[in-house]
Structures are given as C-alpha cells and as structure tokens.
Amino acid sequence: MRDAPENKRDKIIVAANPFSGSRSNRPRVGRLVAALEKRGLEARVAWSPGERSALLGDAGLRAECHCVVAAGGDGTVHSILAEDLPGPLAAMPLGTENLFARHFGFTRDAEALAERIARGQVLRMDLGRINGRFFALMFGAGIDAEIAHRLGRWRTKRSRLRRVNYLSYVPTIVSAFRAYRFPRLELVADGERATGRHAFVFNLPSYAMRLPLGAQARSDDGLLDWIVFERPGRLDLLRYAWALVRGKHLDMEDVKHGRARRVHIASEESVPVQVDGDPCGTTPAEAEVVSAALRVVGPVA
C-alpha cells in the first residue's frame, strides 16, 4: 500500500468579531478573504463563538489548517486562547487598542496581512495562565480592573454589545476614580512578597494608550513581570500616572517590581481583576507562565 499524500495546509480559520472597534468589520474581513484566495488559501469565517468552536472542532479542517486569524481586538485574541488551535495565530487589528497585533506588527491592510499569512515565519511566545485561563498580554487588580468591570457592564447593558471607542472610557474612568476605595492587596511572586493598592502582571510589554507600564516584559523569557503600586488615594494615583507618562514609575520608592514564574494576588476584601483588558472576576488570582505555549505568524523572512 502507498502512503496517502500529506494534506495540503491551505485552509484559514478566521474568527471575526462583529462588535469590535467603531465601525463594521465585515467589509474588512471580506477583503482579507479575497486577498487570501489570491494566494491560493481558502478562508472559513466564523462570526460567533459557536461558529468558531464548530470550525475549530472540525477534524478535516484542522488537518488542513494553515493558521487561525483573530479578526477583532484584544478581547478576540484573548477568547481564542481558550481554544485548541490547529495552527499558528495571526491577527487582523479591528479593535480599539489592538495591543497584541501592535506588538507583533500585524496590520489591517488585507493584502499585506494575507502575504504575511501565506509566507511568514512561525514564532513562539509565552502565555500566562490565570486561574486556569490563558492570557497573552497582562492582568491587573485595582482601579484599572474596576474600569474594565464598569465598561463591561456598560457594553452588555443592552440586548446587543455596544461598540467601544476611546470616548467610551471617559465616563467610566471618571466614575471609577470617584468611587474606588483602594483596598489593600498582597502579591506573592515566587516567594517574594509586596503589598499595595494596584498590582499588574505582564507577559507582553503592552498597555493601553501606549503607556510604558510593563515596558520591560518579554514574551519569550519564561517569566512574568509584576508591578505593585503601594499607596492608596487619588492624589497618589495621579502621582503614579504622571511618573508613568514619563516612563519613571519603576524608579519610585513606593513602586515594587520584579519577575517570576508564578504570581499570587490576594486581598481581605474582593478586588476586581481584569485579564487582557476584559473583566475577570475578583481576587484571589493565581497566575503562572507557560513557556513557548503559542505559535504566532511572524514577518515574512
């Protein structure tokens, strides 16, 4: 008997989010599909989590999958990490911040993205895992998580998800700034302890509005970078923000930071937690790094 020929990996699974960003994503995804077809690649598009799971669970499609594309924002990338991906991940940045796509240099230009998907190298990156849930970017506990929780409630208040832009954050930030009570947190990183009022753990050096909060983090070092801001109150929060804008926050005496493989955050009262910018319950939170866990479509060689 002759061996069966190896399956040609020419199928692309596009997990598209119709609600990310400030405008319709369907025309942009349609242009990507056309650009992929020009390069001999067949795209299958899923517009809902159910459709996405069905495509990713199709054994025949998995065997021929060249890569998976997250067409949306960072929330779309984050949700895909929960799936068993049959190929490397690419991103079409259609959200508000697009931190994952920005870090790896992905573009929404359909022709350029299709060319990268067709001919790009495959890179390996670490993932974080918090309470059993993978994340690519970071997680935080404190006022930034309070903002994420408030925005999440605003988005889901109606029967359909509301679209988010930068202006959407303004009333949410103002209300959180007025109401937040700055509970005390304790962070334990590979046995090292730090206490404070805001805690962040980074896998990638990316944060909203291009602020250099976790600028020293690397996606391939097998470690998570952690930062704790010690003092409570609105005046100290403004002081931290001013130092952050200038990239001086890690030089402050009341800001502790380090690297670790495992991080635990606890508090006496429940403190909101955000993961990759989306609400994710409350403390306690237990996170670890999973080295080289994700394949990513890299630039063209």
Protein backbone atom coordinates (compact mmCIF):
# COMPACT_ATOMS: atom_id res chain seq x y z
CA MET A 1 0.00 0.00 0.00
CA ARG A 2 1.19 3.51 -0.79
CA ASP A 3 1.09 6.16 1.88
CA ALA A 4 -1.67 8.71 1.46
CA PRO A 5 -0.37 12.08 0.27
CA GLU A 6 0.18 14.65 3.02
CA ASN A 7 -2.74 17.03 3.39
CA LYS A 8 -2.05 20.46 2.00
CA ARG A 9 -2.41 23.08 4.73
CA ASP A 10 -4.23 25.73 2.72
CA LYS A 11 -7.23 26.46 4.95
CA ILE A 12 -7.51 29.58 7.09
CA ILE A 13 -9.94 29.85 10.01
CA VAL A 14 -10.93 33.49 10.57
CA ALA A 15 -12.50 34.14 13.99
CA ALA A 16 -14.15 37.51 13.44
CA ASN A 17 -15.78 39.81 15.99
CA PRO A 18 -18.64 41.87 14.53
CA PHE A 19 -18.71 44.22 17.54
CA SER A 20 -15.07 45.22 17.99
CA GLY A 21 -13.94 48.70 17.00
CA SER A 22 -16.07 51.64 15.96
CA ARG A 23 -17.28 50.51 12.53
CA SER A 24 -18.49 47.43 10.65
CA ASN A 25 -15.84 44.76 10.32
CA ARG A 26 -17.48 42.69 7.60
CA PRO A 27 -16.07 44.64 4.61
CA ARG A 28 -12.54 44.44 6.03
CA VAL A 29 -12.79 40.72 6.68
CA GLY A 30 -14.21 40.28 3.17
CA ARG A 31 -11.15 41.99 1.70
CA LEU A 32 -8.88 39.69 3.71
CA VAL A 33 -10.73 36.62 2.43
CA ALA A 34 -10.30 37.84 -1.16
CA ALA A 35 -6.59 38.57 -0.60
CA LEU A 36 -6.05 35.09 0.85
CA GLU A 37 -7.85 33.47 -2.10
CA LYS A 38 -5.49 35.28 -4.49
CA ARG A 39 -2.66 33.43 -2.75
CA GLY A 40 -4.29 30.01 -3.01
CA LEU A 41 -5.61 29.97 0.56
CA GLU A 42 -9.24 29.21 1.41
CA ALA A 43 -10.72 31.12 4.33
CA ARG A 44 -13.60 29.98 6.51
CA VAL A 45 -15.09 32.81 8.60
CA ALA A 46 -16.83 32.45 11.96
CA TRP A 47 -18.77 35.45 13.27
CA SER A 48 -19.84 33.98 16.61
CA PRO A 49 -18.20 31.89 19.34
CA GLY A 50 -20.42 28.96 18.40
CA GLU A 51 -19.39 29.09 14.74
CA ARG A 52 -15.75 29.44 15.77
CA SER A 53 -15.87 26.38 18.04
CA ALA A 54 -17.53 24.37 15.27
CA LEU A 55 -14.81 25.23 12.76
CA LEU A 56 -12.01 24.59 15.25
CA GLY A 57 -13.60 21.27 16.15
CA ASP A 58 -13.83 20.07 12.53
CA ALA A 59 -11.22 17.30 12.25
CA GLY A 60 -10.85 17.61 8.48
CA LEU A 61 -10.46 21.37 8.62
CA ARG A 62 -7.95 21.12 11.46
CA ALA A 63 -5.78 18.74 9.41
CA GLU A 64 -5.59 21.28 6.56
CA CYS A 65 -5.39 24.45 8.70
CA HIS A 66 -2.56 26.82 7.74
CA CYS A 67 -3.33 29.31 10.54
CA VAL A 68 -6.08 30.94 12.61
CA VAL A 69 -6.77 34.66 12.29
CA ALA A 70 -8.27 36.71 15.12
CA ALA A 71 -10.13 39.50 13.31
CA GLY A 72 -11.05 41.86 16.11
CA GLY A 73 -9.43 43.44 19.15
CA ASP A 74 -7.53 42.13 22.13
CA GLY A 75 -10.69 40.57 23.53
CA THR A 76 -10.99 38.46 20.37
CA VAL A 77 -7.39 37.30 20.71
CA HIS A 78 -7.96 36.51 24.36
CA SER A 79 -11.08 34.44 23.69
CA ILE A 80 -9.28 32.40 21.03
CA LEU A 81 -6.59 31.38 23.51
CA ALA A 82 -9.18 29.20 25.24
CA GLU A 83 -9.45 27.07 22.09
CA ASP A 84 -7.22 24.23 20.92
CA LEU A 85 -5.66 25.97 17.91
CA PRO A 86 -4.69 23.73 14.97
CA GLY A 87 -2.17 26.24 13.59
CA PRO A 88 -0.29 29.44 14.42
CA LEU A 89 -2.21 32.61 15.27
CA ALA A 90 -2.37 35.81 13.22
CA ALA A 91 -4.36 38.96 14.00
CA MET A 92 -6.29 41.49 11.94
CA PRO A 93 -6.48 44.51 14.29
CA LEU A 94 -10.08 45.71 14.28
CA GLY A 95 -10.47 46.75 17.94
CA THR A 96 -9.73 49.89 19.94
CA GLU A 97 -6.23 49.26 21.31
CA ASN A 98 -5.07 46.15 19.41
CA LEU A 99 -2.12 45.64 21.76
CA PHE A 100 -1.35 42.06 20.65
CA ALA A 101 -1.44 43.00 16.96
CA ARG A 102 0.65 46.11 17.55
CA HIS A 103 3.32 44.18 19.44
CA PHE A 104 3.77 41.67 16.62
CA GLY A 105 3.36 44.21 13.81
CA PHE A 106 0.12 42.90 12.33
CA THR A 107 -1.76 45.26 10.00
CA ARG A 108 -5.38 45.63 8.93
CA ASP A 109 -4.22 46.10 5.32
CA ALA A 110 -5.70 42.98 3.72
CA GLU A 111 -3.02 42.44 1.07
CA ALA A 112 -0.09 42.88 3.46
CA LEU A 113 -1.69 40.64 6.09
CA ALA A 114 -2.52 37.94 3.55
CA GLU A 115 1.06 37.97 2.28
CA ARG A 116 2.37 37.58 5.82
CA ILE A 117 -0.03 34.71 6.48
CA ALA A 118 0.99 32.98 3.25
CA ARG A 119 4.78 33.36 3.65
CA GLY A 120 5.56 34.44 7.20
CA GLN A 121 7.75 32.63 9.70
CA VAL A 122 6.32 30.97 12.80
CA LEU A 123 7.35 32.41 16.17
CA ARG A 124 6.89 31.02 19.67
CA MET A 125 5.71 33.12 22.61
CA ASP A 126 4.95 32.50 26.26
CA LEU A 127 1.45 32.68 27.63
CA GLY A 128 0.26 33.46 31.11
CA ARG A 129 -2.37 31.34 32.80
CA ILE A 130 -4.55 32.87 35.50
CA ASN A 131 -6.93 30.67 37.47
CA GLY A 132 -6.66 28.15 34.61
CA ARG A 133 -7.34 30.74 31.88
CA PHE A 134 -4.70 31.70 29.28
CA PHE A 135 -3.76 35.32 28.62
CA ALA A 136 -1.37 36.92 26.15
CA LEU A 137 -0.92 40.48 27.44
CA MET A 138 -1.32 41.02 31.17
CA PHE A 139 -3.70 41.10 34.09
CA GLY A 140 -4.29 43.61 36.84
CA ALA A 141 -6.07 44.06 40.16
CA GLY A 142 -7.09 47.52 41.31
CA ILE A 143 -8.58 50.59 39.72
CA ASP A 144 -7.78 49.64 36.12
CA ALA A 145 -9.71 46.40 36.68
CA GLU A 146 -12.54 48.43 38.22
CA ILE A 147 -12.67 50.44 34.99
CA ALA A 148 -12.74 47.23 32.92
CA HIS A 149 -15.62 45.85 35.01
CA ARG A 150 -17.63 49.07 34.70
CA LEU A 151 -17.05 49.22 30.94
CA GLY A 152 -18.05 45.57 30.62
CA ARG A 153 -21.34 46.24 32.38
CA TRP A 154 -21.96 49.24 30.11
CA ARG A 155 -21.25 47.21 26.96
CA THR A 156 -23.67 44.42 27.91
CA LYS A 157 -26.47 46.62 29.26
CA ARG A 158 -28.46 46.32 26.03
CA SER A 159 -29.54 43.26 24.05
CA ARG A 160 -26.53 43.68 21.72
CA LEU A 161 -22.96 44.56 22.64
CA ARG A 162 -22.15 48.25 22.36
CA ARG A 163 -19.15 49.30 20.32
CA VAL A 164 -16.27 50.84 22.25
CA ASN A 165 -14.02 53.74 21.30
CA TYR A 166 -11.73 55.97 23.35
CA LEU A 167 -14.60 58.31 24.28
CA SER A 168 -16.47 55.34 25.78
CA TYR A 169 -13.83 55.16 28.50
CA VAL A 170 -14.20 58.76 29.72
CA PRO A 171 -17.37 58.45 31.87
CA THR A 172 -16.23 55.01 33.08
CA ILE A 173 -12.83 56.33 34.19
CA VAL A 174 -14.41 59.33 35.91
CA SER A 175 -16.95 57.22 37.81
CA ALA A 176 -14.28 54.69 38.88
CA PHE A 177 -11.94 57.48 40.00
CA ARG A 178 -14.68 58.94 42.20
CA ALA A 179 -15.93 55.70 43.72
CA TYR A 180 -12.91 53.41 44.09
CA ARG A 181 -11.84 52.76 47.73
CA PHE A 182 -8.29 51.41 47.12
CA PRO A 183 -8.41 48.10 49.07
CA ARG A 184 -5.10 46.61 50.16
CA LEU A 185 -3.55 43.86 48.01
CA GLU A 186 -0.82 41.34 48.73
CA LEU A 187 1.24 39.94 45.87
CA VAL A 188 3.49 36.91 46.24
CA ALA A 189 5.89 36.28 43.34
CA ASP A 190 8.00 33.11 43.64
CA GLY A 191 8.05 33.65 47.40
CA GLU A 192 8.76 37.41 47.32
CA ARG A 193 6.02 39.50 48.94
CA ALA A 194 4.79 43.01 48.18
CA THR A 195 1.73 44.91 49.41
CA GLY A 196 -0.02 47.82 47.76
CA ARG A 197 -3.22 49.13 46.19
CA HIS A 198 -2.71 48.39 42.46
CA ALA A 199 -0.99 45.30 41.00
CA PHE A 200 -0.12 44.38 37.43
CA VAL A 201 1.39 41.26 35.88
CA PHE A 202 2.71 41.42 32.30
CA ASN A 203 3.54 38.84 29.66
CA LEU A 204 3.90 41.37 26.81
CA PRO A 205 5.16 44.95 27.22
CA SER A 206 1.89 46.47 26.03
CA TYR A 207 -0.66 48.63 27.83
CA ALA A 208 -3.48 50.97 26.84
CA MET A 209 -2.73 54.32 25.18
CA ARG A 210 0.88 53.17 24.59
CA LEU A 211 1.73 53.81 28.24
CA PRO A 212 5.02 52.05 29.18
CA LEU A 213 3.62 50.36 32.28
CA GLY A 214 5.17 46.94 31.66
CA ALA A 215 7.79 48.05 29.14
CA GLN A 216 10.44 45.61 30.37
CA ALA A 217 8.31 42.48 29.86
CA ARG A 218 9.32 39.95 27.20
CA SER A 219 7.20 37.32 25.52
CA ASP A 220 9.95 34.72 25.27
CA ASP A 221 11.83 34.79 28.59
CA GLY A 222 9.74 32.24 30.51
CA LEU A 223 8.83 34.85 33.14
CA LEU A 224 6.05 37.26 34.08
CA ASP A 225 6.84 40.87 35.05
CA TRP A 226 4.97 42.18 38.10
CA ILE A 227 4.48 45.72 39.44
CA VAL A 228 2.87 46.88 42.69
CA PHE A 229 1.94 50.49 43.47
CA GLU A 230 1.94 50.76 47.24
CA ARG A 231 -0.01 53.87 48.24
CA PRO A 232 -3.80 54.45 48.17
CA GLY A 233 -5.73 57.58 47.31
CA ARG A 234 -6.46 59.78 44.33
CA LEU A 235 -3.50 62.11 44.77
CA ASP A 236 -1.07 59.20 44.81
CA LEU A 237 -2.82 57.72 41.79
CA LEU A 238 -2.26 60.96 39.90
CA ARG A 239 1.36 61.00 41.04
CA TYR A 240 1.85 57.46 39.73
CA ALA A 241 0.14 58.38 36.45
CA TRP A 242 2.45 61.37 35.93
CA ALA A 243 5.53 59.20 36.54
CA LEU A 244 4.15 56.55 34.20
CA VAL A 245 3.64 59.03 31.36
CA ARG A 246 7.33 59.98 31.72
CA GLY A 247 8.45 56.36 31.99
CA LYS A 248 9.77 56.94 35.53
CA HIS A 249 7.34 54.81 37.56
CA LEU A 250 9.76 51.93 38.17
CA ASP A 251 12.24 54.37 39.77
CA MET A 252 9.80 55.36 42.53
CA GLU A 253 10.49 54.14 46.07
CA ASP A 254 6.86 53.14 46.62
CA VAL A 255 6.64 51.07 43.43
CA LYS A 256 7.90 47.48 43.71
CA HIS A 257 8.55 45.27 40.70
CA GLY A 258 10.23 42.06 39.64
CA ARG A 259 9.97 38.89 37.56
CA ALA A 260 8.64 35.47 38.47
CA ARG A 261 7.25 32.24 37.07
CA ARG A 262 4.28 32.22 39.46
CA VAL A 263 2.34 35.13 40.99
CA HIS A 264 -0.48 35.11 43.55
CA ILE A 265 -2.60 38.17 44.42
CA ALA A 266 -4.91 38.18 47.44
CA SER A 267 -6.88 40.74 49.44
CA GLU A 268 -9.04 40.90 52.54
CA GLU A 269 -12.00 42.17 50.53
CA SER A 270 -12.86 41.36 46.93
CA VAL A 271 -10.89 43.44 44.42
CA PRO A 272 -11.78 43.39 40.71
CA VAL A 273 -9.42 41.65 38.29
CA GLN A 274 -9.02 42.27 34.57
CA VAL A 275 -7.30 39.97 32.09
CA ASP A 276 -6.14 41.29 28.71
CA GLY A 277 -8.40 44.29 29.30
CA ASP A 278 -11.58 42.32 29.99
CA PRO A 279 -13.24 41.80 33.41
CA CYS A 280 -12.27 38.51 35.06
CA GLY A 281 -13.91 38.18 38.47
CA THR A 282 -12.22 39.25 41.67
CA THR A 283 -9.27 38.32 43.88
CA PRO A 284 -7.73 35.92 44.73
CA ALA A 285 -5.84 35.40 41.48
CA GLU A 286 -3.18 32.76 40.83
CA ALA A 287 -1.05 33.08 37.66
CA GLU A 288 1.85 31.23 36.10
CA VAL A 289 3.82 31.46 32.89
CA VAL A 290 3.60 28.70 30.27
CA SER A 291 6.74 28.91 28.17
CA ALA A 292 6.53 28.87 24.35
CA ALA A 293 2.85 27.92 24.54
CA LEU A 294 1.60 29.83 21.48
CA ARG A 295 2.69 29.84 17.85
CA VAL A 296 2.35 33.20 16.11
CA VAL A 297 2.64 34.05 12.42
CA GLY A 298 5.76 36.17 12.21
CA PRO A 299 7.02 38.55 9.50
CA VAL A 300 7.97 37.37 6.03
CA ALA A 301 11.56 36.11 6.02
